[in-house]
Amino acid sequence: MAKTKNIILGVTASIAIYKACEIVRRLKDEKFCVTVVMTPEAEKLINPLVFASLSGNKVYTDLFSDPENWQIEHVSLAEQADVVLIAPATANIIAKCSAGICDDLLSCLILATKAPVLFAPAMNDNMFNNKITQSNIEKLKSLGSKFIAPRVGGLACGKTGIGCLAETEQIIAVVKKLF
């Protein structure tokens, strides 16, 4: 029997956060074990209980929570990951990872993992097209991270442009392809 693959789903504070619920559901349909790690900002948009219910696993949100088994959570999560998928990935998390900044559980986990890291950006088109964001994406790609490009569509600001989270089916297909 094949070992269940562990996906760490990093969830950041993009308006596309609601699509992360469908990503969890689809990954579970594909028999992946999904553990969600949320940034503090993401918790302001959706309650971690939603992801716990969908994944069937504890949701991790705090770098300094009391450990249940005296393991350093960002390291133990990083070590159990077969893939770290950040969806939606904001300009903020991309910039922090590009600069090596580790100021929350998710950014620490990303730096600590040896598993493939896959970013699915979702943000305003001006933010996505900004030279700094594009430079950060290129730097992370050069260091081995993978990206699932956002698509053109209706943005939260009311206009149409690039920055919409890739379709769930595309994200799932890319994750499956890694195996």
Protein backbone atom coordinates (compact mmCIF):
# COMPACT_ATOMS: atom_id res chain seq x y z
CA MET A 1 0.00 0.00 0.00
CA ALA A 2 1.34 3.43 -0.97
CA LYS A 3 2.15 5.94 1.75
CA THR A 4 -0.30 8.82 2.04
CA LYS A 5 1.27 12.02 0.76
CA ASN A 6 1.27 14.98 3.14
CA ILE A 7 0.39 18.38 1.74
CA ILE A 8 0.92 21.47 3.86
CA LEU A 9 -1.47 24.10 2.54
CA GLY A 10 -0.33 27.60 3.44
CA VAL A 11 -3.23 30.03 3.42
CA THR A 12 -2.63 33.78 3.31
CA ALA A 13 -4.93 36.81 3.46
CA SER A 14 -6.09 37.18 -0.12
CA ILE A 15 -9.74 37.66 -1.00
CA ALA A 16 -9.31 34.36 -2.87
CA ILE A 17 -9.04 32.60 0.50
CA TYR A 18 -12.49 31.07 0.03
CA LYS A 19 -11.07 29.04 -2.87
CA ALA A 20 -8.62 27.39 -0.46
CA CYS A 21 -11.63 25.54 0.98
CA GLU A 22 -12.24 23.89 -2.38
CA ILE A 23 -8.53 23.13 -2.74
CA VAL A 24 -8.61 21.26 0.59
CA ARG A 25 -11.70 19.32 -0.49
CA ARG A 26 -10.19 18.36 -3.85
CA LEU A 27 -6.85 17.33 -2.32
CA LYS A 28 -8.75 15.14 0.14
CA ASP A 29 -10.68 13.63 -2.81
CA GLU A 30 -7.29 12.70 -4.29
CA LYS A 31 -6.38 10.92 -1.00
CA PHE A 32 -3.81 13.47 0.16
CA CYS A 33 -3.44 14.23 3.86
CA VAL A 34 -3.88 18.01 4.13
CA THR A 35 -2.65 20.14 7.01
CA VAL A 36 -3.47 23.84 6.84
CA VAL A 37 -1.15 26.56 8.13
CA MET A 38 -2.71 30.03 8.18
CA THR A 39 -1.09 33.42 8.55
CA PRO A 40 -2.48 35.65 11.30
CA GLU A 41 -3.93 37.94 8.63
CA ALA A 42 -5.74 35.01 6.98
CA GLU A 43 -7.52 34.30 10.26
CA LYS A 44 -9.19 37.70 9.94
CA LEU A 45 -10.88 36.52 6.72
CA ILE A 46 -11.90 32.95 7.57
CA ASN A 47 -12.09 30.97 10.79
CA PRO A 48 -9.53 28.14 11.13
CA LEU A 49 -12.39 25.86 12.21
CA VAL A 50 -13.56 25.80 8.57
CA PHE A 51 -10.24 24.33 7.44
CA ALA A 52 -10.13 21.92 10.38
CA SER A 53 -13.56 20.61 9.42
CA LEU A 54 -12.63 20.24 5.74
CA SER A 55 -9.19 18.71 6.29
CA GLY A 56 -9.96 16.61 9.35
CA ASN A 57 -6.70 17.89 10.85
CA LYS A 58 -5.57 20.52 13.30
CA VAL A 59 -5.04 23.94 11.72
CA TYR A 60 -1.81 25.70 12.69
CA THR A 61 -1.88 29.46 13.08
CA ASP A 62 0.63 30.60 15.65
CA LEU A 63 4.40 30.38 15.73
CA PHE A 64 4.41 30.57 19.50
CA SER A 65 1.49 28.33 20.48
CA ASP A 66 1.95 25.83 23.29
CA PRO A 67 3.33 22.67 21.70
CA GLU A 68 1.21 19.54 22.10
CA ASN A 69 4.17 17.16 22.01
CA TRP A 70 7.14 19.45 22.64
CA GLN A 71 8.22 19.54 19.03
CA ILE A 72 9.12 22.77 17.30
CA GLU A 73 6.04 23.05 15.08
CA HIS A 74 7.49 24.83 12.07
CA VAL A 75 10.32 22.30 11.88
CA SER A 76 8.17 19.21 12.50
CA LEU A 77 5.57 20.36 9.96
CA ALA A 78 8.32 21.15 7.45
CA GLU A 79 9.78 17.67 7.89
CA GLN A 80 6.48 15.84 7.43
CA ALA A 81 5.59 17.75 4.24
CA ASP A 82 5.83 16.05 0.87
CA VAL A 83 4.75 19.34 -0.74
CA VAL A 84 4.16 22.83 0.64
CA LEU A 85 1.47 24.57 -1.39
CA ILE A 86 0.73 28.23 -0.70
CA ALA A 87 -2.69 29.05 -2.14
CA PRO A 88 -3.59 31.82 -2.20
CA ALA A 89 -0.10 33.34 -2.06
CA THR A 90 -0.10 37.08 -1.47
CA ALA A 91 2.59 39.52 -2.58
CA ASN A 92 3.50 39.71 1.11
CA ILE A 93 4.32 36.02 1.57
CA ILE A 94 6.20 35.95 -1.74
CA ALA A 95 8.27 38.98 -0.70
CA LYS A 96 8.97 37.56 2.76
CA CYS A 97 10.13 34.24 1.35
CA SER A 98 12.26 35.94 -1.28
CA ALA A 99 14.00 37.95 1.46
CA GLY A 100 14.23 35.03 3.89
CA ILE A 101 12.03 36.77 6.45
CA CYS A 102 10.53 34.36 8.98
CA ASP A 103 8.10 36.25 11.19
CA ASP A 104 5.16 33.85 11.28
CA LEU A 105 4.60 30.10 11.30
CA LEU A 106 4.09 29.81 7.53
CA SER A 107 7.19 31.76 6.51
CA CYS A 108 9.31 29.80 9.03
CA LEU A 109 7.92 26.50 7.75
CA ILE A 110 8.67 27.43 4.12
CA LEU A 111 12.28 28.24 5.01
CA ALA A 112 12.65 25.04 7.07
CA THR A 113 11.24 22.55 4.55
CA LYS A 114 13.17 20.42 2.09
CA ALA A 115 9.92 19.55 0.28
CA PRO A 116 8.96 21.20 -3.00
CA VAL A 117 7.36 24.61 -2.46
CA LEU A 118 4.57 25.62 -4.81
CA PHE A 119 3.11 29.15 -4.84
CA ALA A 120 -0.28 30.00 -6.38
CA PRO A 121 -0.40 33.81 -6.36
CA ALA A 122 -3.60 35.80 -5.99
CA MET A 123 -3.55 39.59 -5.79
CA ASN A 124 -4.44 42.81 -7.56
CA ASP A 125 -2.98 43.09 -11.06
CA ASN A 126 -0.93 46.16 -10.14
CA MET A 127 0.62 44.25 -7.26
CA PHE A 128 1.27 41.16 -9.40
CA ASN A 129 2.81 43.16 -12.25
CA ASN A 130 4.91 45.32 -9.94
CA LYS A 131 8.62 44.96 -10.73
CA ILE A 132 9.38 44.10 -7.10
CA THR A 133 6.84 41.25 -7.05
CA GLN A 134 8.07 39.95 -10.40
CA SER A 135 11.67 40.12 -9.16
CA ASN A 136 10.70 38.21 -6.00
CA ILE A 137 8.96 35.53 -8.08
CA GLU A 138 11.99 35.16 -10.35
CA LYS A 139 14.33 34.92 -7.36
CA LEU A 140 12.21 32.20 -5.74
CA LYS A 141 12.02 30.31 -9.04
CA SER A 142 15.82 30.48 -9.35
CA LEU A 143 16.03 28.93 -5.87
CA GLY A 144 13.76 26.03 -6.85
CA SER A 145 10.26 27.16 -5.90
CA LYS A 146 7.49 26.52 -8.41
CA PHE A 147 4.65 28.87 -9.35
CA ILE A 148 1.18 28.32 -10.75
CA ALA A 149 0.47 31.51 -12.64
CA PRO A 150 -2.61 33.52 -11.76
CA ARG A 151 -5.26 34.00 -14.41
CA VAL A 152 -7.04 37.01 -15.86
CA GLY A 153 -10.44 37.63 -14.32
CA GLY A 154 -12.55 39.84 -12.12
CA LEU A 155 -10.51 41.30 -9.27
CA ALA A 156 -11.73 42.38 -5.83
CA CYS A 157 -11.24 46.03 -6.81
CA GLY A 158 -13.92 45.65 -9.48
CA LYS A 159 -11.75 45.66 -12.57
CA THR A 160 -10.54 42.80 -14.75
CA GLY A 161 -6.87 41.86 -14.83
CA ILE A 162 -4.26 39.26 -14.04
CA GLY A 163 -4.12 38.19 -10.44
CA CYS A 164 -6.99 35.74 -9.95
CA LEU A 165 -6.00 32.48 -8.27
CA ALA A 166 -5.51 29.70 -10.80
CA GLU A 167 -8.45 27.33 -11.17
CA THR A 168 -8.64 24.64 -8.51
CA GLU A 169 -8.36 21.84 -11.06
CA GLN A 170 -5.13 23.32 -12.40
CA ILE A 171 -3.67 23.60 -8.89
CA ILE A 172 -4.59 19.99 -8.08
CA ALA A 173 -3.12 18.79 -11.39
CA VAL A 174 0.20 20.53 -10.67
CA VAL A 175 0.36 19.03 -7.16
CA LYS A 176 -0.36 15.54 -8.52
CA LYS A 177 2.30 15.99 -11.19
CA LEU A 178 4.93 16.50 -8.46
CA PHE A 179 4.43 12.84 -7.52
